[in-house]
Structures are given as structure tokens and as C-alpha cells.
Amino acid sequence: MSNQTLPLDDRLYRYLIDHSVHEPEVLVALRHETAQHPMAQMQIAPEQGQFMALLVQLLGVTKALEVGVFTGYSALRVALAMPPEGKLVACDVSEEYTAIARRYWEKAGVAHKIDLRIAPATETLDQLIQAGEINSFDFAFIDADKNGYPTYYEQALQLVRPGGLIALDNVLWSGQVADPAVQDSRTNTLRRLNEAIHNDDRVVASLVPIADGLTLVMKKR
């Protein structure tokens, strides 16, 4: 019994993976290829991907949004969890990274579900807002440049429907958000956003200590 979240040493983490995570082979292959990438640390953890897929299925998501694609693991997880008619608008600025993503989306047979927009995410999100897609998305996942998080959050909050969910990654930032000695721009941006969401009466929120911290935000109205 414990009244605090258990710390995970390597042995307990391995147990968690072995007794929780189920990955289709295409996801395993993508994760292993990404592990060889110079920016491999940007890959979400497999248990986080599975958790997000469960949320997508529980919510009955048919229209989703992703800010920050990298090599496409999270987008693939979400697309696989959505029904055949599901659509995911995926925002990124890198043709190079997302070329890997496209290859695996095709292998998995979900490329038709994913609308990849190569442009600054603020521009893509603003285009969706201007096109009248406010309150029409069921789910949004934000995992991009940390200094952009406050803007992405506000834009996603317009686009997600009441009762829909926004998930923000890396909100614990390797523990640096709790270390007052760390005062760089990205860390301070995350601190301010974490505080703002905690006090935001437009939403119901929970910061979940999975992977590098995942804040779940349900839009109330």
C-alpha cells in the first residue's frame, strides 16, 4: 500500500512493460527504428502510447489533432485506436522526420486517416479555427516545442468540443519544473502553463505521472 505514486526502478519498469504493453508489430518496428535516430529522446514511451490509445477508445474519438509528429509513433497509436472513419490532423514542420512517419502509416494501413500538415502549428491551428472547426475535435495531443505550448493549448481549447480531451506531454520535464535552480525559457514556460491549467476554470485537469508527465485536460464548455 502507498499513498504516493511509486518510483519506478529498472526492474519495476520492466515489469510494467512486460505486464501491460501490447504493441502491434508495426509499432514495435517504428519504435526500434526511432531509437536509432539522433533525436530519439523525442519519442513517447510505449506505455504512454497505449494509455493514449485507451483514452481515444473510451472517448469514441473520430476526429483528433496532434501538434508535433516526429517519426509518427503517437499519431500511429491514435490512428489505430480510431474507427475506420476517424481523422487525425497532424501538425509538424519537418519533412525529414515525418517521412519516416508516412512510411509506417502506410504499412499499418492508416495513412488515409491522417492529414499531415507541414507548416508551423500555430498557422495550421489558426486555419482550422478560421475554417469554422471550433468545438469539433474530440481529442488533441500536444508534444512540440515547449515555448509554443501556451499558444497551442489556447488554440486546441477552441478546437476541442466540450467534453473533449487535450493531452500535453513532457509537463514534468525530467523533474526540472520542480527544481528552482533551473531557470531556462522552456522550463519556465512549462511551469507557468502547469500553474495556469491548474487554475483554469474552463477545464477539469489531471497531471498524470506517466513517462515525462502527461496533463489531461477535459474542456467543460
Protein backbone atom coordinates (compact mmCIF):
# COMPACT_ATOMS: atom_id res chain seq x y z
CA MET A 1 0.00 0.00 0.00
CA SER A 2 1.16 3.52 -0.73
CA ASN A 3 -0.37 6.98 -0.56
CA GLN A 4 2.11 8.26 -3.16
CA THR A 5 2.96 7.23 -6.71
CA LEU A 6 5.62 4.52 -6.60
CA PRO A 7 9.02 5.41 -8.05
CA LEU A 8 9.94 3.02 -10.86
CA ASP A 9 13.38 1.45 -10.78
CA ASP A 10 14.52 -0.52 -13.84
CA ARG A 11 13.17 -3.82 -12.53
CA LEU A 12 9.72 -2.44 -11.75
CA TYR A 13 9.58 -0.55 -15.04
CA ARG A 14 10.42 -3.74 -16.93
CA TYR A 15 7.61 -5.50 -15.04
CA LEU A 16 5.21 -2.71 -16.03
CA ILE A 17 6.15 -3.06 -19.71
CA ASP A 18 6.00 -6.84 -19.67
CA HIS A 19 2.62 -6.96 -17.94
CA SER A 20 0.88 -4.02 -19.56
CA VAL A 21 2.01 -3.01 -23.01
CA HIS A 22 0.64 -4.66 -26.16
CA GLU A 23 2.12 -3.27 -29.38
CA PRO A 24 1.31 -4.32 -32.93
CA GLU A 25 4.47 -5.28 -34.80
CA VAL A 26 4.35 -2.11 -36.89
CA LEU A 27 4.57 -0.01 -33.71
CA VAL A 28 7.43 -2.11 -32.35
CA ALA A 29 9.31 -1.67 -35.64
CA LEU A 30 8.75 2.09 -35.65
CA ARG A 31 9.85 2.43 -32.04
CA HIS A 32 13.02 0.43 -32.71
CA GLU A 33 13.87 2.46 -35.82
CA THR A 34 13.29 5.70 -33.94
CA ALA A 35 15.58 4.51 -31.14
CA GLN A 36 18.47 4.80 -33.65
CA HIS A 37 17.55 8.38 -34.53
CA PRO A 38 19.76 11.25 -33.24
CA MET A 39 16.65 12.80 -31.66
CA ALA A 40 15.32 9.54 -30.23
CA GLN A 41 14.55 11.20 -26.88
CA MET A 42 11.57 12.89 -28.58
CA GLN A 43 9.81 9.52 -28.90
CA ILE A 44 6.98 8.94 -26.41
CA ALA A 45 7.16 5.89 -24.16
CA PRO A 46 5.22 2.77 -25.23
CA GLU A 47 3.14 2.70 -22.05
CA GLN A 48 2.13 6.31 -22.70
CA GLY A 49 1.12 5.48 -26.25
CA GLN A 50 -1.03 2.60 -25.04
CA PHE A 51 -2.62 4.81 -22.37
CA MET A 52 -3.48 7.43 -25.00
CA ALA A 53 -4.96 4.77 -27.28
CA LEU A 54 -7.18 3.61 -24.41
CA LEU A 55 -8.38 7.19 -23.86
CA VAL A 56 -9.13 7.54 -27.57
CA GLN A 57 -11.24 4.38 -27.49
CA LEU A 58 -13.02 5.35 -24.26
CA LEU A 59 -13.92 8.75 -25.70
CA GLY A 60 -15.04 7.28 -29.02
CA VAL A 61 -12.72 9.68 -30.84
CA THR A 62 -13.42 10.14 -34.53
CA LYS A 63 -11.69 13.50 -35.01
CA ALA A 64 -8.28 14.16 -33.45
CA LEU A 65 -5.49 16.70 -33.55
CA GLU A 66 -1.76 16.30 -32.97
CA VAL A 67 0.81 19.05 -32.56
CA GLY A 68 4.29 17.60 -33.04
CA VAL A 69 4.59 14.38 -35.05
CA PHE A 70 8.32 13.48 -35.14
CA THR A 71 8.51 9.92 -36.58
CA GLY A 72 4.82 9.30 -36.10
CA TYR A 73 4.53 6.82 -33.20
CA SER A 74 1.85 8.71 -31.26
CA ALA A 75 -0.11 9.50 -34.41
CA LEU A 76 0.01 5.84 -35.38
CA ARG A 77 -1.19 4.79 -31.93
CA VAL A 78 -4.11 7.22 -32.13
CA ALA A 79 -5.00 6.32 -35.72
CA LEU A 80 -5.03 2.61 -34.94
CA ALA A 81 -7.34 3.25 -31.98
CA MET A 82 -9.86 5.25 -34.02
CA PRO A 83 -12.64 3.70 -36.10
CA PRO A 84 -12.27 3.40 -39.90
CA GLU A 85 -13.89 6.81 -40.44
CA GLY A 86 -11.58 8.51 -37.94
CA LYS A 87 -9.49 11.52 -38.98
CA LEU A 88 -6.33 12.92 -37.40
CA VAL A 89 -4.93 16.32 -38.34
CA ALA A 90 -1.20 16.08 -37.62
CA CYS A 91 0.97 19.22 -37.44
CA ASP A 92 4.74 19.29 -37.90
CA VAL A 93 7.43 21.37 -39.64
CA SER A 94 9.83 18.58 -40.64
CA GLU A 95 9.52 16.76 -43.94
CA GLU A 96 12.56 14.69 -42.92
CA TYR A 97 11.17 13.31 -39.66
CA THR A 98 7.65 12.82 -40.95
CA ALA A 99 8.90 10.88 -43.98
CA ILE A 100 9.56 8.05 -41.51
CA ALA A 101 6.08 8.53 -40.10
CA ARG A 102 4.44 8.35 -43.52
CA ARG A 103 6.21 5.08 -44.29
CA TYR A 104 4.86 3.40 -41.15
CA TRP A 105 1.38 4.86 -41.51
CA GLU A 106 1.24 3.26 -44.95
CA LYS A 107 2.49 -0.08 -43.58
CA ALA A 108 -0.18 0.00 -40.89
CA GLY A 109 -2.93 0.84 -43.36
CA VAL A 110 -3.95 4.06 -41.60
CA ALA A 111 -2.42 6.71 -43.88
CA HIS A 112 -5.89 7.61 -45.16
CA LYS A 113 -6.88 8.62 -41.61
CA ILE A 114 -4.01 11.09 -41.16
CA ASP A 115 -3.98 14.58 -42.66
CA LEU A 116 -0.35 15.70 -42.23
CA ARG A 117 0.11 19.48 -42.40
CA ILE A 118 3.73 20.63 -42.85
CA ALA A 119 3.69 24.19 -41.50
CA PRO A 120 4.10 25.97 -38.17
CA ALA A 121 1.39 24.50 -35.96
CA THR A 122 0.05 27.91 -34.91
CA GLU A 123 -0.73 28.60 -38.56
CA THR A 124 -2.44 25.24 -39.10
CA LEU A 125 -4.49 25.58 -35.92
CA ASP A 126 -5.50 29.11 -36.81
CA GLN A 127 -6.58 27.91 -40.26
CA LEU A 128 -8.77 25.26 -38.61
CA ILE A 129 -10.29 27.90 -36.33
CA GLN A 130 -10.93 30.27 -39.24
CA ALA A 131 -12.47 27.40 -41.23
CA GLY A 132 -15.15 27.02 -38.57
CA GLU A 133 -13.83 23.86 -36.92
CA ILE A 134 -14.21 25.24 -33.38
CA ASN A 135 -15.66 22.70 -30.92
CA SER A 136 -15.37 19.87 -33.44
CA PHE A 137 -12.36 17.79 -32.30
CA ASP A 138 -12.70 15.00 -29.73
CA PHE A 139 -9.04 14.76 -28.74
CA ALA A 140 -5.81 16.75 -29.10
CA PHE A 141 -2.24 15.75 -28.25
CA ILE A 142 0.41 18.46 -27.82
CA ASP A 143 4.05 17.35 -27.97
CA ALA A 144 6.09 20.01 -29.76
CA ASP A 145 8.34 22.98 -28.95
CA LYS A 146 7.77 23.81 -25.31
CA ASN A 147 7.80 27.60 -25.73
CA GLY A 148 4.84 27.19 -28.05
CA TYR A 149 2.75 25.20 -25.57
CA PRO A 150 0.69 28.12 -24.17
CA THR A 151 -0.42 29.14 -27.66
CA TYR A 152 -1.09 25.57 -28.76
CA TYR A 153 -3.13 24.98 -25.60
CA GLU A 154 -5.34 28.02 -26.18
CA GLN A 155 -5.86 27.13 -29.83
CA ALA A 156 -6.61 23.49 -29.02
CA LEU A 157 -9.07 24.61 -26.35
CA GLN A 158 -11.04 26.41 -29.07
CA LEU A 159 -10.96 23.43 -31.41
CA VAL A 160 -11.81 20.65 -28.95
CA ARG A 161 -15.50 20.11 -28.19
CA PRO A 162 -16.98 20.38 -24.70
CA GLY A 163 -16.25 17.04 -23.04
CA GLY A 164 -13.27 16.53 -25.34
CA LEU A 165 -9.73 15.95 -24.12
CA ILE A 166 -6.39 17.70 -24.58
CA ALA A 167 -3.22 15.80 -23.60
CA LEU A 168 0.02 17.75 -23.09
CA ASP A 169 3.30 15.84 -22.98
CA ASN A 170 6.54 16.49 -21.04
CA VAL A 171 4.89 18.58 -18.34
CA LEU A 172 7.28 17.25 -15.65
CA TRP A 173 10.26 17.97 -17.94
CA SER A 174 12.59 15.37 -16.41
CA GLY A 175 11.79 16.81 -12.99
CA GLN A 176 13.20 20.22 -13.84
CA VAL A 177 9.89 22.03 -13.30
CA ALA A 178 10.28 21.29 -9.58
CA ASP A 179 13.91 22.47 -9.40
CA PRO A 180 14.12 26.22 -8.68
CA ALA A 181 17.76 26.24 -9.80
CA VAL A 182 16.61 25.57 -13.39
CA GLN A 183 15.55 28.84 -14.98
CA ASP A 184 15.75 28.36 -18.75
CA SER A 185 12.96 29.55 -21.05
CA ARG A 186 11.40 26.17 -21.80
CA THR A 187 11.27 25.10 -18.16
CA ASN A 188 9.76 28.40 -17.05
CA THR A 189 7.18 28.21 -19.84
CA LEU A 190 6.11 24.76 -18.67
CA ARG A 191 5.96 25.93 -15.05
CA ARG A 192 3.71 28.86 -15.96
CA LEU A 193 1.47 26.67 -18.11
CA ASN A 194 1.17 23.99 -15.44
CA GLU A 195 0.10 26.68 -12.98
CA ALA A 196 -2.31 28.24 -15.47
CA ILE A 197 -4.00 24.93 -16.25
CA HIS A 198 -4.26 24.12 -12.55
CA ASN A 199 -6.21 27.37 -12.09
CA ASP A 200 -8.18 27.27 -15.36
CA ASP A 201 -11.90 27.08 -14.56
CA ARG A 202 -12.72 26.26 -18.20
CA VAL A 203 -11.38 22.73 -17.76
CA VAL A 204 -11.05 19.72 -15.49
CA ALA A 205 -7.40 18.67 -15.44
CA SER A 206 -5.13 15.98 -14.04
CA LEU A 207 -1.35 15.75 -14.30
CA VAL A 208 -0.56 12.05 -14.68
CA PRO A 209 2.98 10.92 -13.73
CA ILE A 210 3.42 8.64 -16.74
CA ALA A 211 6.67 8.86 -18.77
CA ASP A 212 7.74 12.55 -18.61
CA GLY A 213 4.39 13.72 -17.26
CA LEU A 214 1.12 13.94 -19.19
CA THR A 215 -1.51 16.53 -18.34
CA LEU A 216 -5.06 15.55 -19.31
CA VAL A 217 -7.47 18.44 -19.78
CA MET A 218 -11.23 17.98 -20.30
CA LYS A 219 -12.97 21.03 -21.72
CA LYS A 220 -16.05 21.87 -19.65
CA ARG A 221 -17.82 24.28 -22.00
